[in-house]
Protein backbone atom coordinates (compact mmCIF):
# COMPACT_ATOMS: atom_id res chain seq x y z
CA UNK A 1 -19.25 0.79 18.58
CA UNK A 2 -17.12 -0.27 21.53
CA UNK A 3 -18.01 -3.71 22.87
CA UNK A 4 -15.95 -6.54 24.40
CA UNK A 5 -14.45 -8.93 21.91
CA UNK A 6 -15.75 -12.47 22.58
CA UNK A 7 -12.29 -14.07 22.77
CA UNK A 8 -10.44 -11.51 24.90
CA UNK A 9 -10.69 -8.26 26.78
CA UNK A 10 -10.49 -6.36 23.49
CA UNK A 11 -12.92 -3.68 22.43
CA UNK A 12 -14.38 -3.50 18.93
CA UNK A 13 -14.39 0.07 17.66
CA UNK A 14 -16.36 1.19 14.59
CA UNK A 15 -15.72 4.69 13.30
CA UNK A 16 -15.95 6.75 10.14
CA UNK A 17 -13.37 9.44 9.45
CA UNK A 18 -14.29 12.54 7.42
CA UNK A 19 -11.84 15.00 5.87
CA UNK A 20 -12.57 18.56 4.77
CA UNK A 21 -11.03 22.01 4.44
CA UNK A 22 -10.09 23.75 7.70
CA UNK A 23 -12.73 26.46 7.27
CA UNK A 24 -15.43 23.80 6.85
CA UNK A 25 -14.28 22.12 10.06
CA UNK A 26 -15.03 25.29 11.98
CA UNK A 27 -18.65 25.20 10.82
CA UNK A 28 -19.48 21.61 11.80
CA UNK A 29 -20.87 22.36 15.25
CA UNK A 30 -23.25 24.95 13.80
CA UNK A 31 -24.84 22.67 11.22
CA UNK A 32 -28.61 22.17 11.62
CA UNK A 33 -28.29 18.38 11.91
CA UNK A 34 -25.74 18.75 14.73
CA UNK A 35 -27.66 21.47 16.55
CA UNK A 36 -30.88 19.46 16.34
CA UNK A 37 -29.49 16.16 17.64
CA UNK A 38 -26.50 16.97 19.87
CA UNK A 39 -27.20 15.81 23.41
CA UNK A 40 -25.54 18.89 24.92
CA UNK A 41 -23.04 21.64 24.11
CA UNK A 42 -20.25 19.06 24.11
CA UNK A 43 -16.88 18.93 25.79
CA UNK A 44 -13.35 20.04 24.94
CA UNK A 45 -10.13 18.24 25.78
CA UNK A 46 -6.48 18.32 24.85
CA UNK A 47 -4.99 14.97 23.88
CA UNK A 48 -1.24 14.46 23.54
CA UNK A 49 -0.11 11.04 22.35
CA UNK A 50 3.15 9.30 21.55
CA UNK A 51 3.20 6.46 19.03
CA UNK A 52 5.69 3.65 19.37
CA UNK A 53 7.19 1.08 17.03
CA UNK A 54 10.22 -1.15 16.66
CA UNK A 55 13.34 0.16 15.00
CA UNK A 56 12.48 -1.67 11.79
CA UNK A 57 8.80 -0.57 11.88
CA UNK A 58 7.31 -4.04 12.36
CA UNK A 59 4.06 -2.61 13.75
CA UNK A 60 3.43 0.08 11.12
CA UNK A 61 4.13 -2.36 8.29
CA UNK A 62 1.21 -4.44 9.56
CA UNK A 63 -1.11 -1.53 10.29
CA UNK A 64 -0.88 -2.01 14.08
CA UNK A 65 -0.98 1.12 16.24
CA UNK A 66 0.67 1.31 19.66
CA UNK A 67 0.33 4.59 21.55
CA UNK A 68 0.41 6.15 25.00
CA UNK A 69 -1.89 9.15 25.37
CA UNK A 70 -2.12 11.76 28.11
CA UNK A 71 -5.75 12.19 29.03
CA UNK A 72 -6.58 14.66 31.77
CA UNK A 73 -4.28 13.88 34.67
CA UNK A 74 -3.38 10.34 33.62
CA UNK A 75 -1.93 8.20 30.84
CA UNK A 76 -3.62 5.48 28.78
CA UNK A 77 -1.84 2.85 26.68
CA UNK A 78 -3.75 1.62 23.62
CA UNK A 79 -3.02 -1.05 21.01
CA UNK A 80 -5.14 -1.17 17.83
CA UNK A 81 -5.06 -3.86 15.17
CA UNK A 82 -5.20 -3.20 11.44
CA UNK A 83 -8.74 -2.76 10.10
CA UNK A 84 -10.02 -5.10 7.38
CA UNK A 85 -9.77 -3.92 3.78
CA UNK A 86 -13.44 -3.38 3.15
CA UNK A 87 -15.85 -0.46 3.21
CA UNK A 88 -14.81 2.99 4.39
CA UNK A 89 -15.63 2.74 8.11
CA UNK A 90 -12.88 1.30 10.30
CA UNK A 91 -13.76 -1.62 12.57
CA UNK A 92 -10.89 -2.97 14.60
CA UNK A 93 -9.90 -4.39 17.96
CA UNK A 94 -8.30 -2.19 20.58
CA UNK A 95 -6.89 -2.80 24.05
CA UNK A 96 -6.57 0.11 26.49
CA UNK A 97 -5.30 0.32 30.05
CA UNK A 98 -3.99 3.07 32.36
CA UNK A 99 -0.20 3.36 32.74
CA UNK A 100 2.07 5.40 35.04
CA UNK A 101 3.68 7.60 32.39
CA UNK A 102 4.93 7.82 28.81
CA UNK A 103 6.88 4.54 28.91
CA UNK A 104 5.01 1.53 27.45
CA UNK A 105 4.08 -1.21 29.90
CA UNK A 106 4.79 -4.56 28.22
CA UNK A 107 2.88 -6.56 30.79
CA UNK A 108 -0.33 -4.77 29.82
CA UNK A 109 0.05 -6.04 26.26
CA UNK A 110 -0.57 -9.60 27.47
CA UNK A 111 -4.39 -9.54 26.97
CA UNK A 112 -3.86 -8.30 23.44
CA UNK A 113 -1.10 -10.82 22.80
CA UNK A 114 -3.39 -13.63 23.90
CA UNK A 115 -5.70 -12.68 21.04
CA UNK A 116 -3.06 -11.58 18.51
CA UNK A 117 0.00 -13.84 18.43
CA UNK A 118 1.67 -11.32 16.12
CA UNK A 119 1.58 -8.73 18.91
CA UNK A 120 3.19 -11.19 21.30
CA UNK A 121 6.02 -11.77 18.86
CA UNK A 122 6.61 -8.11 18.00
CA UNK A 123 5.79 -6.14 21.13
CA UNK A 124 7.08 -8.56 23.75
CA UNK A 125 10.15 -9.52 21.72
CA UNK A 126 11.45 -6.13 20.59
CA UNK A 127 12.36 -2.76 22.04
CA UNK A 128 9.71 -0.11 21.38
CA UNK A 129 10.77 3.47 20.70
CA UNK A 130 8.73 6.68 20.24
CA UNK A 131 8.35 7.54 16.55
CA UNK A 132 6.04 10.55 16.46
CA UNK A 133 3.68 12.58 18.62
CA UNK A 134 0.24 14.12 18.14
CA UNK A 135 -1.15 17.17 19.91
CA UNK A 136 -4.91 17.44 19.41
CA UNK A 137 -7.64 19.77 20.60
CA UNK A 138 -10.82 17.74 20.50
CA UNK A 139 -14.38 19.05 20.57
CA UNK A 140 -16.64 16.11 21.37
CA UNK A 141 -20.41 15.81 21.01
CA UNK A 142 -22.80 12.93 21.61
CA UNK A 143 -25.36 12.76 18.81
CA UNK A 144 -28.73 11.12 19.43
CA UNK A 145 -29.75 10.12 15.95
CA UNK A 146 -33.51 9.54 15.74
CA UNK A 147 -35.29 6.80 13.83
CA UNK A 148 -37.02 7.85 10.65
CA UNK A 149 -36.12 10.75 8.34
CA UNK A 150 -33.08 12.90 9.19
CA UNK A 151 -33.31 15.75 6.69
CA UNK A 152 -32.18 16.66 3.21
CA UNK A 153 -29.62 14.29 1.72
CA UNK A 154 -29.98 11.53 4.32
CA UNK A 155 -32.20 8.42 4.16
CA UNK A 156 -34.42 7.13 6.93
CA UNK A 157 -32.96 4.69 9.42
CA UNK A 158 -32.95 3.36 12.95
CA UNK A 159 -32.10 5.14 16.18
CA UNK A 160 -28.38 5.42 16.99
CA UNK A 161 -25.94 7.19 19.30
CA UNK A 162 -22.78 8.58 17.71
CA UNK A 163 -19.80 10.27 19.28
CA UNK A 164 -18.60 13.07 17.02
CA UNK A 165 -15.02 14.20 17.64
CA UNK A 166 -13.79 17.33 15.87
CA UNK A 167 -10.00 17.17 15.91
CA UNK A 168 -7.62 20.06 15.25
CA UNK A 169 -3.92 19.89 15.91
CA UNK A 170 -0.57 18.64 14.68
CA UNK A 171 1.47 15.50 14.25
CA UNK A 172 5.23 15.86 14.78
CA UNK A 173 8.22 13.65 13.94
CA UNK A 174 11.89 14.35 13.42
CA UNK A 175 11.48 18.06 14.02
CA UNK A 176 8.74 18.37 11.39
CA UNK A 177 5.05 19.06 11.86
CA UNK A 178 1.92 18.56 9.78
CA UNK A 179 -1.61 19.81 10.50
CA UNK A 180 -4.52 17.56 11.44
CA UNK A 181 -8.10 18.60 10.71
CA UNK A 182 -10.71 15.85 10.68
CA UNK A 183 -13.91 14.46 12.14
CA UNK A 184 -14.24 11.04 13.70
CA UNK A 185 -17.72 9.57 13.98
CA UNK A 186 -17.70 6.64 16.40
CA UNK A 187 -20.69 4.34 16.77
CA UNK A 188 -21.79 4.04 20.42
CA UNK A 189 -25.19 2.42 19.86
CA UNK A 190 -26.95 1.28 16.70
CA UNK A 191 -26.00 -0.04 13.29
CA UNK A 192 -22.93 0.94 11.24
CA UNK A 193 -25.05 2.43 8.42
CA UNK A 194 -26.06 5.14 10.93
CA UNK A 195 -22.54 6.60 10.65
CA UNK A 196 -23.04 7.12 6.93
CA UNK A 197 -26.58 8.36 7.43
CA UNK A 198 -25.30 11.11 9.75
CA UNK A 199 -22.38 11.82 7.39
CA UNK A 200 -24.82 12.22 4.49
CA UNK A 201 -26.67 14.89 6.47
CA UNK A 202 -23.36 16.70 7.08
CA UNK A 203 -22.36 16.35 3.41
CA UNK A 204 -25.62 18.02 2.35
CA UNK A 205 -24.25 21.28 3.84
CA UNK A 206 -20.47 20.93 3.69
CA UNK A 207 -17.96 19.33 1.26
CA UNK A 208 -16.65 16.34 3.25
CA UNK A 209 -15.24 12.99 2.15
CA UNK A 210 -14.56 9.68 3.91
CA UNK A 211 -11.00 8.54 4.55
CA UNK A 212 -9.30 5.38 5.81
CA UNK A 213 -6.04 7.24 6.55
CA UNK A 214 -5.65 7.74 10.30
CA UNK A 215 -3.40 10.00 12.38
CA UNK A 216 -0.83 7.24 12.71
CA UNK A 217 -0.46 7.03 8.92
CA UNK A 218 0.40 10.75 8.78
CA UNK A 219 2.88 10.31 11.61
CA UNK A 220 4.63 7.46 9.84
CA UNK A 221 4.84 9.57 6.66
CA UNK A 222 6.57 12.35 8.62
CA UNK A 223 8.90 9.89 10.31
CA UNK A 224 10.02 8.50 6.94
CA UNK A 225 11.21 11.89 5.60
CA UNK A 226 15.02 11.85 5.16
CA UNK A 227 16.95 14.26 7.38
CA UNK A 228 18.10 16.34 4.39
CA UNK A 229 14.61 16.68 2.86
CA UNK A 230 11.60 18.90 3.57
CA UNK A 231 9.17 16.92 1.42
CA UNK A 232 6.71 14.43 2.85
CA UNK A 233 6.81 10.96 1.40
CA UNK A 234 3.86 10.18 -0.87
CA UNK A 235 0.83 8.51 0.70
CA UNK A 236 0.73 4.82 -0.04
CA UNK A 237 -1.56 3.65 -2.83
CA UNK A 238 -3.57 0.47 -2.35
CA UNK A 239 -4.23 -2.33 -4.84
CA UNK A 240 -7.66 -3.93 -5.21
CA UNK A 241 -8.37 -6.33 -2.30
CA UNK A 242 -8.45 -10.04 -3.03
CA UNK A 243 -11.97 -11.47 -3.40
CA UNK A 244 -11.78 -13.71 -0.31
CA UNK A 245 -15.51 -13.65 0.33
CA UNK A 246 -16.19 -16.47 -2.11
CA UNK A 247 -14.43 -19.02 0.08
CA UNK A 248 -17.70 -19.31 2.00
CA UNK A 249 -19.95 -21.43 -0.21
CA UNK A 250 -22.70 -21.26 -1.18
CA UNK A 251 -23.09 -17.49 -1.14
CA UNK A 252 -26.26 -15.60 -1.95
CA UNK A 253 -26.48 -12.90 -4.58
CA UNK A 254 -27.23 -10.42 -1.80
CA UNK A 255 -24.07 -11.32 0.14
CA UNK A 256 -21.96 -11.40 -3.02
CA UNK A 257 -23.14 -7.94 -4.03
CA UNK A 258 -22.37 -6.59 -0.56
CA UNK A 259 -18.87 -8.10 -0.69
CA UNK A 260 -17.87 -6.66 -4.07
CA UNK A 261 -19.34 -3.23 -3.25
CA UNK A 262 -17.36 -3.26 -0.01
CA UNK A 263 -14.14 -4.11 -1.82
CA UNK A 264 -14.64 -1.42 -4.46
CA UNK A 265 -15.53 1.18 -1.83
CA UNK A 266 -12.37 0.48 0.14
CA UNK A 267 -10.27 0.48 -3.05
CA UNK A 268 -11.74 3.85 -4.05
CA UNK A 269 -11.46 5.57 -0.66
CA UNK A 270 -8.00 4.16 0.17
CA UNK A 271 -6.58 5.72 -3.01
CA UNK A 272 -8.39 9.05 -2.77
CA UNK A 273 -5.71 10.89 -0.79
CA UNK A 274 -2.79 9.49 -2.86
CA UNK A 275 -4.65 10.56 -6.03
CA UNK A 276 -5.38 13.99 -4.57
CA UNK A 277 -1.66 14.48 -3.93
CA UNK A 278 -0.78 13.49 -7.49
CA UNK A 279 0.60 10.00 -6.86
CA UNK A 280 0.45 8.39 -10.30
CA UNK A 281 -0.34 4.89 -9.08
CA UNK A 282 -2.94 6.28 -6.69
CA UNK A 283 -4.69 7.90 -9.68
CA UNK A 284 -4.45 4.63 -11.58
CA UNK A 285 -5.84 2.54 -8.72
CA UNK A 286 -8.65 5.00 -8.07
CA UNK A 287 -9.55 4.78 -11.75
CA UNK A 288 -9.55 0.98 -11.60
CA UNK A 289 -11.83 1.12 -8.54
CA UNK A 290 -14.22 3.38 -10.46
CA UNK A 291 -14.33 1.00 -13.40
CA UNK A 292 -14.95 -1.94 -11.09
CA UNK A 293 -17.92 -0.04 -9.64
CA UNK A 294 -19.35 0.39 -13.13
CA UNK A 295 -18.89 -3.35 -13.68
CA UNK A 296 -20.96 -4.04 -10.57
CA UNK A 297 -23.83 -2.01 -12.03
CA UNK A 298 -23.79 -4.15 -15.17
CA UNK A 299 -23.21 -7.53 -13.51
CA UNK A 300 -25.98 -7.14 -10.92
CA UNK A 301 -28.41 -5.08 -13.00
CA UNK A 302 -31.19 -7.67 -12.61
CA UNK A 303 -31.41 -7.02 -8.84
CA UNK A 304 -30.56 -3.32 -8.66
CA UNK A 305 -33.21 -0.59 -8.49
CA UNK A 306 -33.00 1.72 -11.51
CA UNK A 307 -32.37 4.73 -9.25
CA UNK A 308 -29.33 3.00 -7.73
CA UNK A 309 -28.00 1.99 -11.14
CA UNK A 310 -28.28 5.58 -12.33
CA UNK A 311 -26.51 6.86 -9.25
CA UNK A 312 -23.65 4.38 -9.67
CA UNK A 313 -23.20 5.32 -13.33
CA UNK A 314 -23.34 9.06 -12.70
CA UNK A 315 -20.93 8.91 -9.77
CA UNK A 316 -18.45 6.74 -11.65
CA UNK A 317 -18.70 9.00 -14.70
CA UNK A 318 -17.98 12.10 -12.60
CA UNK A 319 -14.84 10.53 -11.10
CA UNK A 320 -13.61 9.07 -14.39
CA UNK A 321 -13.93 12.44 -16.16
CA UNK A 322 -11.13 13.82 -13.95
CA UNK A 323 -9.02 10.68 -13.57
CA UNK A 324 -8.89 9.74 -17.27
CA UNK A 325 -6.86 12.73 -18.55
CA UNK A 326 -4.57 12.61 -15.51
CA UNK A 327 -3.83 8.95 -16.10
CA UNK A 328 -3.13 9.60 -19.81
CA UNK A 329 -0.58 12.33 -19.04
CA UNK A 330 0.99 10.17 -16.29
CA UNK A 331 1.58 7.30 -18.69
CA UNK A 332 2.99 9.63 -21.34
CA UNK A 333 5.40 11.36 -18.96
CA UNK A 334 6.48 8.40 -16.82
CA UNK A 335 6.46 5.50 -19.30
CA UNK A 336 6.01 6.42 -22.96
CA UNK A 337 8.19 9.53 -23.26
CA UNK A 338 11.32 8.02 -21.63
CA UNK A 339 10.92 4.82 -23.67
CA UNK A 340 10.27 6.86 -26.82
CA UNK A 341 13.35 8.98 -26.30
CA UNK A 342 15.44 5.87 -25.79
CA UNK A 343 13.91 4.15 -28.82
CA UNK A 344 14.19 7.23 -31.02
CA UNK A 345 17.58 8.27 -29.69
CA UNK A 346 19.73 6.97 -32.57
CA UNK A 347 20.97 10.00 -34.44
CA UNK A 348 19.98 12.54 -31.78
CA UNK A 349 22.35 15.52 -31.79
CA UNK A 350 23.47 17.66 -28.88
CA UNK A 351 21.47 20.51 -30.40
CA UNK A 352 18.31 18.44 -29.92
CA UNK A 353 18.83 17.90 -26.19
CA UNK A 354 17.19 21.22 -25.18
CA UNK A 355 14.20 20.32 -27.36
CA UNK A 356 13.82 16.98 -25.57
CA UNK A 357 13.86 18.85 -22.25
CA UNK A 358 11.33 21.36 -23.57
CA UNK A 359 9.03 18.54 -24.64
CA UNK A 360 9.26 17.01 -21.18
CA UNK A 361 8.47 20.36 -19.53
CA UNK A 362 5.47 20.93 -21.82
CA UNK A 363 4.09 17.48 -21.00
CA UNK A 364 4.68 18.01 -17.28
CA UNK A 365 2.76 21.30 -17.35
CA UNK A 366 -0.28 19.58 -18.80
CA UNK A 367 0.12 16.68 -16.42
CA UNK A 368 0.19 19.07 -13.43
CA UNK A 369 -2.98 20.76 -14.70
CA UNK A 370 -4.71 17.36 -14.95
CA UNK A 371 -3.61 16.54 -11.39
CA UNK A 372 -5.12 19.82 -10.18
CA UNK A 373 -8.40 18.81 -11.81
CA UNK A 374 -8.30 15.50 -9.88
CA UNK A 375 -7.74 17.35 -6.60
CA UNK A 376 -10.59 19.76 -7.39
CA UNK A 377 -12.93 16.85 -8.15
CA UNK A 378 -12.05 15.16 -4.84
CA UNK A 379 -12.50 18.39 -2.87
CA UNK A 380 -15.87 19.01 -4.48
CA UNK A 381 -18.92 18.14 -2.40
CA UNK A 382 -20.36 15.89 -5.14
CA UNK A 383 -17.52 13.38 -4.75
CA UNK A 384 -17.95 13.20 -0.99
CA UNK A 385 -21.71 12.81 -1.25
CA UNK A 386 -21.31 9.95 -3.71
CA UNK A 387 -18.72 8.02 -1.68
CA UNK A 388 -20.66 8.49 1.58
CA UNK A 389 -23.85 7.33 -0.14
CA UNK A 390 -21.92 4.32 -1.43
CA UNK A 391 -20.90 3.48 2.14
CA UNK A 392 -24.48 3.77 3.36
CA UNK A 393 -25.67 1.68 0.39
CA UNK A 394 -23.24 -1.07 1.33
CA UNK A 395 -23.79 -1.04 5.10
CA UNK A 396 -27.60 -0.89 4.85
CA UNK A 397 -27.82 -3.04 1.69
CA UNK A 398 -29.89 -0.24 0.27
CA UNK A 399 -30.48 -2.12 -2.99
CA UNK A 400 -33.08 -4.22 -1.17
CA UNK A 401 -35.42 -1.20 -1.23
CA UNK A 402 -36.99 -1.19 -4.66
CA UNK A 403 -35.19 -4.35 -5.87
CA UNK A 404 -36.92 -5.39 -9.14
CA UNK A 405 -36.55 -9.11 -8.31
CA UNK A 406 -36.15 -9.51 -4.52
CA UNK A 407 -36.45 -13.31 -4.68
CA UNK A 408 -33.21 -13.44 -6.69
CA UNK A 409 -31.23 -11.88 -3.86
CA UNK A 410 -31.54 -15.05 -1.79
CA UNK A 411 -30.45 -17.35 -4.61
CA UNK A 412 -26.89 -18.58 -4.98
CA UNK A 413 -24.82 -16.12 -6.97
CA UNK A 414 -23.09 -18.91 -8.92
CA UNK A 415 -25.79 -19.15 -11.61
CA UNK A 416 -25.72 -15.38 -12.15
CA UNK A 417 -21.92 -15.36 -12.24
CA UNK A 418 -21.75 -18.16 -14.82
CA UNK A 419 -24.34 -16.42 -17.00
CA UNK A 420 -22.53 -13.08 -16.97
CA UNK A 421 -19.10 -14.66 -17.55
CA UNK A 422 -20.39 -16.69 -20.49
CA UNK A 423 -21.98 -13.64 -22.13
CA UNK A 424 -18.86 -11.52 -21.75
CA UNK A 425 -16.66 -14.38 -22.97
CA UNK A 426 -18.75 -14.72 -26.15
CA UNK A 427 -18.36 -11.03 -26.92
CA UNK A 428 -14.60 -11.12 -26.47
CA UNK A 429 -14.15 -14.27 -28.59
CA UNK A 430 -16.16 -12.59 -31.36
CA UNK A 431 -13.86 -9.58 -31.06
CA UNK A 432 -10.85 -11.88 -31.38
CA UNK A 433 -12.01 -13.18 -34.76
CA UNK A 434 -12.42 -9.65 -36.16
CA UNK A 435 -9.63 -7.83 -34.35
CA UNK A 436 -7.19 -7.51 -37.26
CA UNK A 437 -9.84 -5.73 -39.36
CA UNK A 438 -10.85 -3.17 -36.71
CA UNK A 439 -9.83 0.49 -36.59
CA UNK A 440 -8.29 2.20 -33.56
CA UNK A 441 -11.62 3.24 -32.04
CA UNK A 442 -13.12 -0.23 -32.39
CA UNK A 443 -10.00 -1.81 -30.86
CA UNK A 444 -10.38 0.51 -27.89
CA UNK A 445 -13.94 -0.77 -27.46
CA UNK A 446 -12.59 -4.33 -27.49
CA UNK A 447 -10.09 -3.39 -24.80
CA UNK A 448 -12.91 -2.11 -22.57
CA UNK A 449 -14.85 -5.36 -23.01
CA UNK A 450 -11.72 -7.34 -22.10
CA UNK A 451 -11.35 -5.22 -18.93
CA UNK A 452 -14.97 -5.84 -17.97
CA UNK A 453 -14.41 -9.57 -18.37
CA UNK A 454 -11.25 -9.32 -16.24
CA UNK A 455 -13.14 -7.55 -13.44
CA UNK A 456 -15.87 -10.20 -13.55
CA UNK A 457 -13.27 -12.95 -13.31
CA UNK A 458 -11.70 -11.19 -10.32
CA UNK A 459 -15.08 -10.81 -8.61
CA UNK A 460 -16.29 -14.37 -9.14
CA UNK A 461 -13.14 -16.48 -9.40
CA UNK A 462 -13.41 -17.87 -5.86
CA UNK A 463 -16.67 -19.61 -6.76
CA UNK A 464 -14.79 -22.02 -9.02
CA UNK A 465 -11.82 -24.37 -8.88
CA UNK A 466 -8.59 -22.42 -8.53
CA UNK A 467 -6.62 -24.45 -11.10
CA UNK A 468 -9.15 -23.91 -13.90
CA UNK A 469 -9.40 -20.19 -13.14
CA UNK A 470 -5.63 -19.71 -13.18
CA UNK A 471 -5.08 -20.64 -16.84
CA UNK A 472 -8.01 -18.59 -18.08
CA UNK A 473 -6.98 -15.54 -16.07
CA UNK A 474 -3.39 -15.78 -17.34
CA UNK A 475 -4.54 -15.83 -20.97
CA UNK A 476 -6.95 -12.96 -20.35
CA UNK A 477 -4.25 -10.88 -18.66
CA UNK A 478 -1.95 -11.33 -21.67
CA UNK A 479 -4.67 -9.93 -23.94
CA UNK A 480 -5.37 -7.06 -21.56
CA UNK A 481 -1.68 -6.13 -21.30
CA UNK A 482 -1.18 -6.21 -25.07
CA UNK A 483 -4.28 -4.14 -25.79
CA UNK A 484 -3.25 -1.74 -23.04
CA UNK A 485 0.11 -1.24 -24.72
CA UNK A 486 -1.59 -0.49 -28.01
CA UNK A 487 -4.03 1.91 -26.34
CA UNK A 488 -1.22 3.75 -24.55
CA UNK A 489 0.45 4.22 -27.93
CA UNK A 490 -2.72 5.60 -29.52
CA UNK A 491 -3.32 8.00 -26.61
CA UNK A 492 0.31 9.18 -26.58
CA UNK A 493 0.21 9.73 -30.34
CA UNK A 494 -2.89 11.93 -30.00
CA UNK A 495 -1.54 13.86 -27.00
CA UNK A 496 1.80 14.61 -28.64
CA UNK A 497 0.23 15.53 -31.98
CA UNK A 498 -2.10 18.02 -30.29
CA UNK A 499 0.71 19.31 -28.10
CA UNK A 500 2.92 20.01 -31.11
CA UNK A 501 0.07 21.82 -32.82
CA UNK A 502 -0.62 23.96 -29.75
CA UNK A 503 3.05 24.89 -29.33
CA UNK A 504 3.91 25.25 -33.01
CA UNK A 505 4.13 29.03 -32.81
CA UNK A 506 6.67 28.87 -29.97
CA UNK A 507 8.64 25.77 -30.87
CA UNK A 508 11.75 25.62 -33.00
CA UNK A 509 12.38 22.92 -35.60
CA UNK A 510 14.21 20.71 -33.10
CA UNK A 511 11.13 20.58 -30.89
CA UNK A 512 8.98 19.36 -33.75
CA UNK A 513 11.68 16.92 -34.77
CA UNK A 514 12.06 15.25 -31.39
CA UNK A 515 8.29 15.07 -30.95
CA UNK A 516 8.09 13.52 -34.39
CA UNK A 517 10.79 11.03 -33.48
CA UNK A 518 8.81 10.01 -30.41
CA UNK A 519 5.57 9.65 -32.35
CA UNK A 520 7.38 7.56 -34.93
CA UNK A 521 8.73 5.24 -32.23
CA UNK A 522 5.27 4.99 -30.67
CA UNK A 523 3.74 4.02 -34.00
CA UNK A 524 6.39 1.35 -34.59
CA UNK A 525 5.88 -0.06 -31.10
CA UNK A 526 2.11 -0.20 -31.65
CA UNK A 527 2.64 -2.00 -34.96
CA UNK A 528 4.84 -4.58 -33.26
CA UNK A 529 2.21 -5.09 -30.57
CA UNK A 530 -0.49 -5.55 -33.20
CA UNK A 531 1.61 -8.09 -35.12
CA UNK A 532 1.88 -10.28 -32.02
CA UNK A 533 -1.82 -10.24 -31.11
CA UNK A 534 -2.79 -13.31 -33.20
CA UNK A 535 -0.71 -15.62 -31.03
CA UNK A 536 -2.13 -14.14 -27.82
CA UNK A 537 -5.71 -14.29 -29.10
CA UNK A 538 -5.21 -17.97 -29.99
CA UNK A 539 -4.01 -18.66 -26.48
CA UNK A 540 -7.14 -17.00 -25.10
CA UNK A 541 -9.45 -18.94 -27.44
CA UNK A 542 -7.84 -22.18 -26.27
CA UNK A 543 -8.28 -21.35 -22.58
CA UNK A 544 -11.00 -23.46 -20.97
CA UNK A 545 -13.94 -21.41 -19.64
CA UNK A 546 -13.84 -22.32 -15.95
CA UNK A 547 -17.53 -21.63 -15.22
CA UNK A 548 -18.91 -24.44 -17.40
């Protein structure tokens, strides 16, 4: 939705970006939901834009976009601020004004600078240079979304007007080009959940997924490619946002639930494209986001409709089924295998070097196959339908419909948070007393309970005094890191053992020997980690529970 910002001449823009395969993009205009609700046949326009930044990329580092775009017979200069790290729809301030040509007009930045002191410092105090250019053919339709039911796959809702832009084209920088194929849904009138409602109707017929990566992000990736390389830089992964919502006290359970769902949704969607392209940390962060979603289902179960709980579990399970193996092979190839080779290297002969390389190649082949499974999961329509539903669920607070205890939604979340933290803490302290007697499978279960407690602490920490939270979180992190090290060892042991068995017919004795050396090092490292757990568990038991 574009509306004047109360403190300046800025416009607030709310849009949802959808990605899909190029062939699916060509079918959008023919979908029943578009044909039924498009105001007219739409318009076509060609949009060429140049994006500017300082030599040291001060704008892009802060997510600020500065462009000049040729529209029809004129030029328009636009500045956009970075969107907040929540949800999947982008809501941000923008300032636009006509200019005489491609050169930026610094004087026109003044209204923006009055609102954003950072813009004043960067734009008015530095030389701006063109970094990349986009050339887009845009098919634009106004969609009159009716109140009530919309069709299969979409919930009922209020009336809204949405501008649907179907963009095809290229982004170019440094002599390189990359294709652009996406849909932008911009809210003109109505509530933000209407964007997701319309997207859900589209997703019922085509495999689409939400994205927070804009055209500028692709342009910056192209611009960062070294002159002697043809490979794009990897998309940037995103860590879990800080839980800043709890600074506003008291906060209701309803508002708290909306805040943590929003954070998890952004964390999930922001890492989808990095994970799809095989970025190891993107896969890891997407997996963390999925686990945090499952924690929400457990923490807020008393106020969630059973249907919503089931949908959260099933969606998280679908995503985790692809991410888990990929993460396991990433850790083995990137962390465990190099450390194992170094740790097992004493006595390695030159004749064993080819076997080490063969082991690395065999692991990489399985890792690549796991990455392809992640990409296939993301491209599948089920993933897009789940993430779009999650966005609608957050924006509309869909849990209110069918809530088993609606009166609890208005209560302060602090009592619920303290209850859940205390219960999880009791389970983990019981695990600590028995840990030395547990087998590998049981220790893995302990690790999962520790992670759940860690996510709960992250969600609710802002409700309590910072100093008391800090010591508890530090002790909990030490346990989580140590158990993670032991789990990585157990997983690597199993992967390598199965790999050696599968390749036994092809491998020579050196291959089996170097794999055995690595497994031996892994087992010794796990034993050392286990021997040090008593001290770390004692530190955790002595940490003061901050919620009491």
